[in-house]
Protein backbone atom coordinates (compact mmCIF):
# COMPACT_ATOMS: atom_id res chain seq x y z
CA MET A 1 -1.71 -29.40 3.35
CA THR A 2 0.92 -30.99 1.14
CA LEU A 3 4.63 -31.68 1.51
CA GLU A 4 5.18 -29.39 -1.47
CA ARG A 5 3.43 -26.48 0.26
CA LEU A 6 5.33 -27.03 3.51
CA SER A 7 8.59 -27.04 1.57
CA ALA A 8 7.57 -23.91 -0.36
CA LEU A 9 6.77 -22.03 2.85
CA GLN A 10 10.23 -22.84 4.17
CA ASP A 11 11.90 -22.01 0.85
CA ALA A 12 10.27 -18.55 0.89
CA LEU A 13 12.24 -17.78 4.05
CA SER A 14 15.61 -18.78 2.59
CA SER A 15 16.40 -15.31 1.21
CA THR A 16 15.52 -13.55 4.48
CA ASP A 17 17.23 -13.20 7.85
CA TYR A 18 14.03 -14.15 9.69
CA ALA A 19 14.12 -16.97 12.22
CA GLY A 20 10.83 -18.12 10.79
CA TRP A 21 7.21 -17.47 9.92
CA LEU A 22 4.65 -17.79 12.72
CA ILE A 23 1.26 -18.38 11.11
CA TYR A 24 -1.59 -17.82 13.57
CA ASP A 25 -5.36 -18.05 13.42
CA PHE A 26 -8.43 -18.15 15.58
CA GLN A 27 -11.78 -18.91 13.93
CA LYS A 28 -10.66 -17.54 10.54
CA LEU A 29 -9.79 -14.07 11.80
CA ASN A 30 -6.71 -14.65 9.64
CA PRO A 31 -8.06 -16.14 6.40
CA LEU A 32 -4.58 -15.90 4.92
CA ALA A 33 -3.49 -18.65 7.32
CA HIS A 34 -6.03 -21.00 5.76
CA THR A 35 -4.82 -20.10 2.27
CA LEU A 36 -1.16 -20.55 3.17
CA LEU A 37 -1.72 -23.87 4.94
CA GLU A 38 -4.19 -25.13 2.31
CA LEU A 39 -6.77 -25.91 4.98
CA PRO A 40 -10.11 -27.16 3.64
CA GLY A 41 -13.03 -24.80 4.04
CA ASP A 42 -14.97 -27.29 6.14
CA ALA A 43 -12.12 -28.00 8.59
CA HIS A 44 -13.65 -28.03 12.09
CA LEU A 45 -11.23 -25.73 13.92
CA THR A 46 -12.70 -23.73 16.78
CA ARG A 47 -9.55 -23.03 18.83
CA ARG A 48 -6.51 -20.90 18.11
CA PHE A 49 -3.34 -22.37 16.67
CA PHE A 50 0.22 -21.41 15.75
CA PHE A 51 2.08 -22.99 12.84
CA TRP A 52 5.81 -22.30 13.10
CA ILE A 53 7.77 -22.44 9.86
CA PRO A 54 11.45 -22.04 10.77
CA ARG A 55 13.92 -20.92 8.14
CA VAL A 56 15.97 -23.95 9.16
CA GLY A 57 14.62 -26.93 11.04
CA ILE A 58 11.42 -28.89 11.52
CA PRO A 59 8.07 -27.02 11.49
CA VAL A 60 6.02 -27.06 14.69
CA LEU A 61 2.23 -26.96 15.02
CA ILE A 62 0.94 -25.68 18.38
CA HIS A 63 -2.77 -26.36 18.89
CA ASN A 64 -5.45 -27.04 21.48
CA SER A 65 -5.54 -30.64 22.63
CA ILE A 66 -9.25 -31.08 21.88
CA GLU A 67 -8.44 -30.65 18.18
CA SER A 68 -5.63 -33.20 18.11
CA GLY A 69 -7.65 -35.58 15.96
CA THR A 70 -8.52 -32.90 13.43
CA TRP A 71 -4.93 -31.73 13.12
CA LYS A 72 -3.64 -35.29 12.81
CA VAL A 73 -5.84 -35.74 9.74
CA LEU A 74 -4.97 -32.32 8.28
CA THR A 75 -1.21 -32.82 8.64
CA ASP A 76 -0.96 -36.56 8.05
CA GLY A 77 2.27 -37.50 6.28
CA LEU A 78 4.02 -34.19 6.96
CA ASP A 79 7.42 -33.93 8.59
CA LEU A 80 6.57 -31.71 11.55
CA GLU A 81 6.13 -31.70 15.30
CA ARG A 82 2.62 -31.40 16.74
CA VAL A 83 2.35 -29.89 20.23
CA ALA A 84 -1.05 -30.27 21.90
CA CYS A 85 -1.82 -27.72 24.62
CA ARG A 86 -4.57 -28.02 27.20
CA GLY A 87 -4.51 -24.38 28.31
CA HIS A 88 -2.99 -20.97 27.72
CA GLU A 89 -0.01 -21.59 30.01
CA ASP A 90 0.88 -24.70 28.02
CA MET A 91 0.64 -22.68 24.82
CA THR A 92 2.94 -19.97 26.17
CA ARG A 93 5.50 -22.60 27.16
CA ALA A 94 5.27 -24.15 23.70
CA LEU A 95 5.90 -20.75 22.10
CA ARG A 96 8.91 -20.18 24.38
CA ASN A 97 10.34 -23.48 23.21
CA ILE A 98 10.32 -22.45 19.56
CA LEU A 99 11.03 -18.70 19.81
CA ASN A 100 14.32 -17.31 21.06
CA PRO A 101 14.71 -13.77 22.41
CA ALA A 102 15.82 -11.36 19.66
CA ASP A 103 14.48 -13.65 16.92
CA VAL A 104 12.95 -11.85 13.94
CA VAL A 105 9.59 -13.48 13.24
CA ALA A 106 7.20 -12.84 10.34
CA MET A 107 3.45 -12.70 10.99
CA GLU A 108 0.34 -11.43 9.18
CA TYR A 109 0.80 -7.94 10.53
CA SER A 110 1.30 -4.49 9.02
CA PRO A 111 3.16 -1.80 11.00
CA MET A 112 0.78 1.02 11.92
CA GLY A 113 -1.96 -0.76 9.97
CA ALA A 114 -0.38 0.54 6.76
CA VAL A 115 -1.67 -2.31 4.58
CA PRO A 116 -4.97 -3.61 6.03
CA TYR A 117 -5.13 -6.49 3.55
CA VAL A 118 -2.33 -8.29 5.40
CA SER A 119 -2.99 -7.00 8.93
CA LYS A 120 -4.86 -10.07 10.19
CA VAL A 121 -3.38 -10.93 13.59
CA ASP A 122 -5.10 -9.17 16.49
CA ALA A 123 -3.17 -6.72 18.67
CA GLY A 124 -3.45 -8.89 21.78
CA THR A 125 -1.82 -11.87 20.10
CA LEU A 126 0.98 -9.64 18.81
CA GLU A 127 1.53 -8.42 22.39
CA TRP A 128 1.62 -12.03 23.58
CA VAL A 129 4.26 -13.05 21.03
CA ARG A 130 6.30 -9.88 21.58
CA SER A 131 6.32 -10.56 25.32
CA LEU A 132 8.58 -13.53 24.53
CA GLY A 133 11.29 -11.11 23.40
CA VAL A 134 11.02 -11.49 19.63
CA GLU A 135 10.78 -8.83 16.94
CA ILE A 136 7.72 -9.18 14.69
CA VAL A 137 7.89 -8.11 11.05
CA SER A 138 5.28 -8.21 8.32
CA SER A 139 4.88 -11.34 6.21
CA ALA A 140 3.42 -9.21 3.39
CA ASN A 141 6.09 -9.93 0.79
CA LEU A 142 6.45 -13.58 1.83
CA LEU A 143 2.73 -13.99 1.30
CA GLN A 144 2.94 -12.90 -2.33
CA ASN A 145 4.89 -16.03 -3.21
CA PHE A 146 1.66 -17.96 -2.66
CA LEU A 147 -0.63 -15.69 -4.68
CA ARG A 148 1.05 -16.30 -8.03
CA TRP A 149 -1.11 -17.29 -10.97
CA SER A 150 -0.49 -20.60 -12.69
CA ASP A 151 -0.51 -20.89 -16.48
CA SER A 152 -4.08 -22.19 -16.29
CA ASP A 153 -5.03 -19.25 -14.06
CA LEU A 154 -3.75 -16.84 -16.70
CA GLN A 155 -5.68 -18.66 -19.40
CA ALA A 156 -8.87 -18.53 -17.31
CA HIS A 157 -8.32 -14.81 -16.70
CA SER A 158 -7.95 -14.26 -20.45
CA ARG A 159 -11.22 -16.08 -21.09
CA ALA A 160 -12.92 -13.92 -18.47
CA VAL A 161 -11.58 -10.79 -20.19
CA LYS A 162 -13.18 -11.90 -23.45
CA VAL A 163 -16.58 -12.39 -21.81
CA LEU A 164 -16.39 -9.02 -20.07
CA LEU A 165 -15.65 -7.29 -23.37
CA GLU A 166 -18.71 -8.97 -24.86
CA GLY A 167 -20.66 -7.58 -21.92
CA VAL A 168 -19.31 -4.07 -22.50
CA ASN A 169 -20.38 -4.17 -26.14
CA ALA A 170 -23.81 -5.58 -25.27
CA GLY A 171 -24.38 -2.80 -22.75
CA PHE A 172 -23.32 -0.02 -25.08
CA LYS A 173 -25.34 -1.51 -27.95
CA LEU A 174 -28.52 -1.50 -25.87
CA LEU A 175 -27.93 2.11 -24.81
CA HIS A 176 -27.10 3.23 -28.34
CA GLU A 177 -30.09 1.61 -30.01
CA ARG A 178 -32.55 2.90 -27.41
CA LEU A 179 -31.13 6.43 -27.57
CA LYS A 180 -31.03 6.46 -31.38
CA GLY A 181 -34.61 5.17 -31.57
CA GLY A 182 -35.90 7.70 -29.07
CA TRP A 183 -36.80 5.04 -26.49
CA MET A 184 -36.16 5.25 -22.77
CA VAL A 185 -33.38 3.19 -21.23
CA ASP A 186 -32.03 3.31 -17.70
CA GLU A 187 -28.89 2.20 -15.91
CA PHE A 188 -30.47 -0.87 -14.37
CA GLU A 189 -31.62 -2.23 -17.75
CA ALA A 190 -28.11 -1.92 -19.15
CA GLN A 191 -26.66 -3.52 -16.03
CA GLN A 192 -28.96 -6.52 -16.38
CA GLU A 193 -28.10 -6.93 -20.07
CA ILE A 194 -24.40 -7.02 -19.22
CA LEU A 195 -25.03 -9.45 -16.38
CA ARG A 196 -26.92 -11.74 -18.78
CA VAL A 197 -23.86 -11.91 -21.06
CA MET A 198 -21.59 -12.63 -18.11
CA ASN A 199 -23.84 -15.41 -16.84
CA GLU A 200 -24.04 -16.98 -20.29
CA GLY A 201 -20.24 -16.79 -20.49
CA GLY A 202 -19.87 -18.80 -17.30
CA LEU A 203 -18.55 -16.03 -15.08
CA VAL A 204 -19.36 -15.50 -11.43
CA THR A 205 -19.28 -12.13 -9.68
CA ASP A 206 -19.83 -10.82 -6.18
CA HIS A 207 -21.77 -7.78 -7.43
CA PRO A 208 -23.57 -6.73 -10.61
CA PRO A 209 -21.75 -4.36 -12.98
CA VAL A 210 -21.65 -0.62 -12.43
CA VAL A 211 -23.53 1.33 -15.09
CA ALA A 212 -23.49 5.06 -14.32
CA PHE A 213 -24.81 8.02 -16.32
CA GLY A 214 -23.73 11.65 -15.89
CA ARG A 215 -23.36 12.71 -12.26
CA HIS A 216 -23.67 9.12 -11.09
CA ALA A 217 -20.34 8.41 -12.80
CA ALA A 218 -18.73 10.87 -10.36
CA ASP A 219 -19.43 8.37 -7.56
CA PRO A 220 -16.68 5.72 -7.96
CA HIS A 221 -18.77 2.97 -6.32
CA TYR A 222 -22.23 3.91 -7.55
CA ALA A 223 -24.46 1.00 -8.51
CA PRO A 224 -28.00 1.16 -9.97
CA ALA A 225 -30.87 -0.75 -8.44
CA PRO A 226 -34.57 -1.21 -9.21
CA GLY A 227 -36.28 2.06 -8.36
CA PHE A 228 -32.96 3.89 -8.16
CA SER A 229 -31.68 4.14 -11.69
CA ALA A 230 -31.16 7.14 -13.98
CA VAL A 231 -32.62 7.35 -17.49
CA LEU A 232 -30.06 8.07 -20.21
CA GLU A 233 -30.20 11.55 -21.74
CA ARG A 234 -28.10 13.20 -24.40
CA GLY A 235 -25.20 15.12 -22.95
CA GLN A 236 -24.40 12.46 -20.34
CA CYS A 237 -21.32 10.30 -20.02
CA VAL A 238 -21.68 6.55 -19.53
CA LEU A 239 -19.32 4.58 -17.29
CA ILE A 240 -19.43 0.76 -17.30
CA ASP A 241 -17.33 -1.12 -14.74
CA LEU A 242 -17.63 -4.92 -14.65
CA TRP A 243 -15.70 -7.78 -13.12
CA GLY A 244 -15.99 -11.53 -12.95
CA ARG A 245 -14.10 -14.81 -12.96
CA GLU A 246 -14.43 -18.47 -13.71
CA PRO A 247 -15.09 -20.44 -10.50
CA GLY A 248 -11.91 -20.74 -8.44
CA ARG A 249 -9.88 -18.62 -10.87
CA PRO A 250 -8.50 -15.03 -10.84
CA HIS A 251 -10.75 -12.12 -11.72
CA ALA A 252 -10.77 -9.85 -14.71
CA ASP A 253 -11.92 -6.28 -14.01
CA ILE A 254 -12.38 -3.52 -16.61
CA THR A 255 -13.99 -0.08 -16.99
CA TRP A 256 -15.01 1.48 -20.30
CA MET A 257 -16.49 4.87 -21.16
CA GLY A 258 -19.06 6.24 -23.57
CA TYR A 259 -21.00 9.43 -24.20
CA ALA A 260 -24.60 10.07 -25.25
CA GLY A 261 -24.21 12.42 -28.20
CA THR A 262 -21.21 14.59 -29.00
CA PRO A 263 -18.88 14.92 -25.99
CA PRO A 264 -17.92 18.49 -25.01
CA GLU A 265 -14.36 19.74 -24.71
CA ASP A 266 -14.15 19.67 -20.91
CA PHE A 267 -15.19 16.01 -20.86
CA LEU A 268 -12.77 15.13 -23.66
CA HIS A 269 -9.93 16.83 -21.79
CA ALA A 270 -10.66 14.74 -18.70
CA TRP A 271 -10.92 11.58 -20.82
CA GLU A 272 -7.62 12.22 -22.59
CA SER A 273 -5.94 12.97 -19.25
CA VAL A 274 -7.17 9.72 -17.69
CA LYS A 275 -6.08 7.71 -20.72
CA THR A 276 -2.63 9.28 -20.64
CA ALA A 277 -2.26 8.60 -16.91
CA ARG A 278 -3.15 4.96 -17.57
CA ASP A 279 -0.61 4.71 -20.37
CA GLU A 280 2.07 6.51 -18.35
CA ALA A 281 1.66 3.93 -15.59
CA VAL A 282 2.16 1.10 -18.09
CA ARG A 283 5.18 2.86 -19.60
CA PHE A 284 6.70 3.28 -16.13
CA LEU A 285 6.19 -0.41 -15.38
CA ARG A 286 7.79 -1.52 -18.62
CA GLN A 287 10.77 0.81 -18.28
CA SER A 288 11.42 0.08 -14.62
CA TRP A 289 10.79 -3.60 -13.91
CA GLU A 290 14.34 -4.70 -14.81
CA THR A 291 16.04 -1.62 -13.35
CA PHE A 292 14.94 -1.69 -9.71
CA VAL A 293 12.55 -3.41 -7.33
CA LEU A 294 9.10 -2.05 -8.12
CA GLU A 295 6.83 -1.28 -5.20
CA GLY A 296 3.11 -0.70 -5.56
CA TRP A 297 3.13 2.93 -4.46
CA MET A 298 5.59 3.90 -7.20
CA VAL A 299 3.19 3.18 -10.05
CA ASP A 300 0.38 5.07 -8.31
CA ARG A 301 2.69 8.04 -7.84
CA CYS A 302 3.56 8.07 -11.55
CA ALA A 303 -0.08 8.31 -12.65
CA ARG A 304 -1.04 10.62 -9.77
CA ASP A 305 1.73 13.08 -10.57
CA PHE A 306 0.52 13.26 -14.16
CA LEU A 307 -3.11 13.90 -13.19
CA GLU A 308 -2.06 16.51 -10.65
CA GLY A 309 -0.10 18.27 -13.38
CA ALA A 310 -3.14 18.13 -15.65
CA GLY A 311 -5.26 19.84 -12.98
CA TYR A 312 -7.20 16.78 -11.79
CA GLY A 313 -5.29 15.80 -8.66
CA GLU A 314 -8.09 16.64 -6.21
CA PHE A 315 -10.53 14.60 -8.29
CA PHE A 316 -8.44 11.39 -8.32
CA THR A 317 -9.87 10.11 -5.05
CA HIS A 318 -8.77 6.46 -4.94
CA ARG A 319 -5.68 4.32 -5.43
CA LEU A 320 -4.48 3.57 -8.94
CA GLY A 321 -5.07 -0.17 -8.81
CA HIS A 322 -5.60 -3.29 -6.75
CA ASN A 323 -4.33 -6.85 -6.68
CA LEU A 324 -6.39 -9.35 -8.66
CA GLY A 325 -7.01 -12.88 -7.48
CA VAL A 326 -9.84 -15.23 -6.64
CA ASP A 327 -10.88 -12.31 -4.45
CA LEU A 328 -11.55 -9.26 -6.59
CA HIS A 329 -9.47 -7.12 -4.24
CA GLY A 330 -6.81 -9.68 -3.48
CA PRO A 331 -4.28 -9.63 -0.61
CA GLY A 332 -1.30 -8.92 -2.86
CA ALA A 333 0.36 -5.59 -3.61
CA ASN A 334 -1.88 -2.69 -4.59
CA LEU A 335 -0.86 0.31 -6.69
CA ASP A 336 -1.45 2.79 -3.89
CA ASP A 337 0.19 5.95 -2.62
CA LEU A 338 -3.04 7.57 -1.43
CA GLU A 339 -5.19 5.31 0.72
CA THR A 340 -2.02 3.58 1.92
CA HIS A 341 1.68 3.77 1.09
CA ASP A 342 2.02 0.26 -0.31
CA THR A 343 5.67 -0.77 -0.26
CA ARG A 344 5.05 -4.38 -1.27
CA THR A 345 6.90 -5.52 -4.36
CA LEU A 346 5.15 -6.22 -7.65
CA THR A 347 6.12 -9.86 -7.73
CA GLN A 348 6.34 -12.05 -10.81
CA GLY A 349 3.16 -14.08 -11.22
CA LEU A 350 0.77 -11.50 -9.77
CA GLY A 351 -2.04 -9.63 -11.52
CA PHE A 352 -3.43 -6.20 -10.76
CA THR A 353 -5.53 -3.39 -12.18
CA ILE A 354 -4.53 0.04 -13.43
CA GLU A 355 -7.58 2.30 -13.16
CA PRO A 356 -7.03 6.05 -12.95
CA GLY A 357 -10.20 8.07 -12.58
CA VAL A 358 -11.32 11.65 -12.01
CA TYR A 359 -14.69 12.61 -10.54
CA PRO A 360 -15.52 16.34 -10.77
CA LEU A 361 -19.11 16.12 -9.52
CA GLU A 362 -19.84 19.82 -10.10
CA ARG A 363 -19.12 19.29 -13.82
CA GLY A 364 -21.65 16.47 -13.94
CA PHE A 365 -19.40 13.59 -14.95
CA GLY A 366 -16.80 11.06 -13.88
CA VAL A 367 -14.18 9.32 -16.00
CA ARG A 368 -12.29 6.09 -15.35
CA SER A 369 -10.33 3.72 -17.57
CA GLU A 370 -9.38 0.31 -16.20
CA ILE A 371 -7.04 -2.32 -17.57
CA ASN A 372 -5.42 -5.44 -16.10
CA VAL A 373 -1.71 -6.29 -15.93
CA PHE A 374 0.08 -9.58 -15.28
CA MET A 375 3.70 -9.61 -14.12
CA GLY A 376 5.23 -12.33 -16.28
CA GLU A 377 8.74 -13.70 -16.67
CA THR A 378 9.47 -11.15 -19.38
CA GLY A 379 7.91 -8.23 -17.55
CA PRO A 380 4.50 -6.59 -17.23
CA ARG A 381 1.92 -7.75 -19.73
CA VAL A 382 -1.36 -5.89 -20.29
CA THR A 383 -4.02 -8.60 -20.50
CA THR A 384 -6.95 -6.39 -21.52
CA PRO A 385 -7.45 -4.07 -24.48
CA ASN A 386 -6.74 -0.38 -23.85
CA GLN A 387 -9.75 1.76 -24.69
CA HIS A 388 -8.56 4.54 -27.00
CA ASN A 389 -11.87 6.01 -28.21
CA LEU A 390 -15.20 6.65 -26.53
CA PHE A 391 -18.37 4.84 -27.50
CA VAL A 392 -20.25 7.83 -28.94
CA LEU A 393 -23.91 6.83 -28.64
CA GLY A 394 -27.15 7.73 -30.35
CA ASP A 395 -26.31 8.95 -33.85
CA LEU A 396 -24.34 6.67 -36.20
CA GLU A 397 -25.06 3.05 -37.05
CA TRP A 398 -24.09 0.62 -34.28
CA GLU A 399 -21.43 -1.09 -36.41
CA ARG A 400 -19.55 2.22 -36.75
CA VAL A 401 -20.00 3.07 -33.07
CA ALA A 402 -18.68 -0.36 -32.06
CA TYR A 403 -15.78 -0.15 -34.50
CA ASP A 404 -14.70 3.26 -33.21
CA GLY A 405 -15.20 2.32 -29.56
CA ASN A 406 -13.13 -0.86 -29.89
CA ALA A 407 -10.45 0.62 -32.15
């Protein structure tokens, strides 16, 4: 942990009326604590600890006495008080010394479990702290100050986007050439071709890309595997969802669509509706960011209202988008008014996806379009190309298919 980080944690409290931020962990049940405190991954910490960041005053670290040596090394050179506790009674006394009845204290907690990504402190510990007479509030918006991308993060994200787009084109090219030539090709083969491009481009991923044909595209988290992979046939849609990052950098995450042969009207209507919902969400962001404080649920509601009006509301079965970070589904604000009601603010410096989708299984297809957005100093910036046209596979020359699909 650095002096700069300690100062930044305290500065984040300056615009609040909180007495402070009580950061707690036990054996990495709260991984956000390790991120906030910049603790090394190999730090040998087996006992619980509290790190008190007061809005005004000197920070206090409360820890088990057997880890005094470890904490001395981890906090060397910092202006703080270390309190070593032999047992639970000592720890309670130490907490009483820093917390005053009626204090408002931020912790990694979400009322009623509304936002699970930040609900990391166990119920028993919350009861323990509340028993001292304080009011606990969520640290969710404080946390976002420490998830912001640096300029080099944004550059790395942009490089990842470029590699993913190369993967999309490689996957569609393989499918097109096999279909046009009358040769068999399945989802797993296309997945592996895309993964090859990603590996060659230096990206890492926690899961291979999604390549889904026809009815499989109506399962939002379908993934092919050896022995469980559909063969492409004319009259099927193709959904490709892929994500990756440079080591230690934020993810890029995109979804593109194609169709084997000429797409029918009902599929085109769904495709146009999803595209419009995506673009409406971006329009809402751009029109609203300077007018009022944007919360994640608001953008979801904009796109969801449109799809409900277009007759697809029941088929839009997931949130509109998720926070992007080193973790694919990062702990920052999501665009969500379905799975949760995410009231966290869309803070400058954060990235997220916009990915409306509809999945009418009985019609034999699913449609999703996914782009990435970065909240910059001058407002929301779309960092990925918007797909406007489908990759129509199997008939024309590849150069024309690729031109139309990327137009």
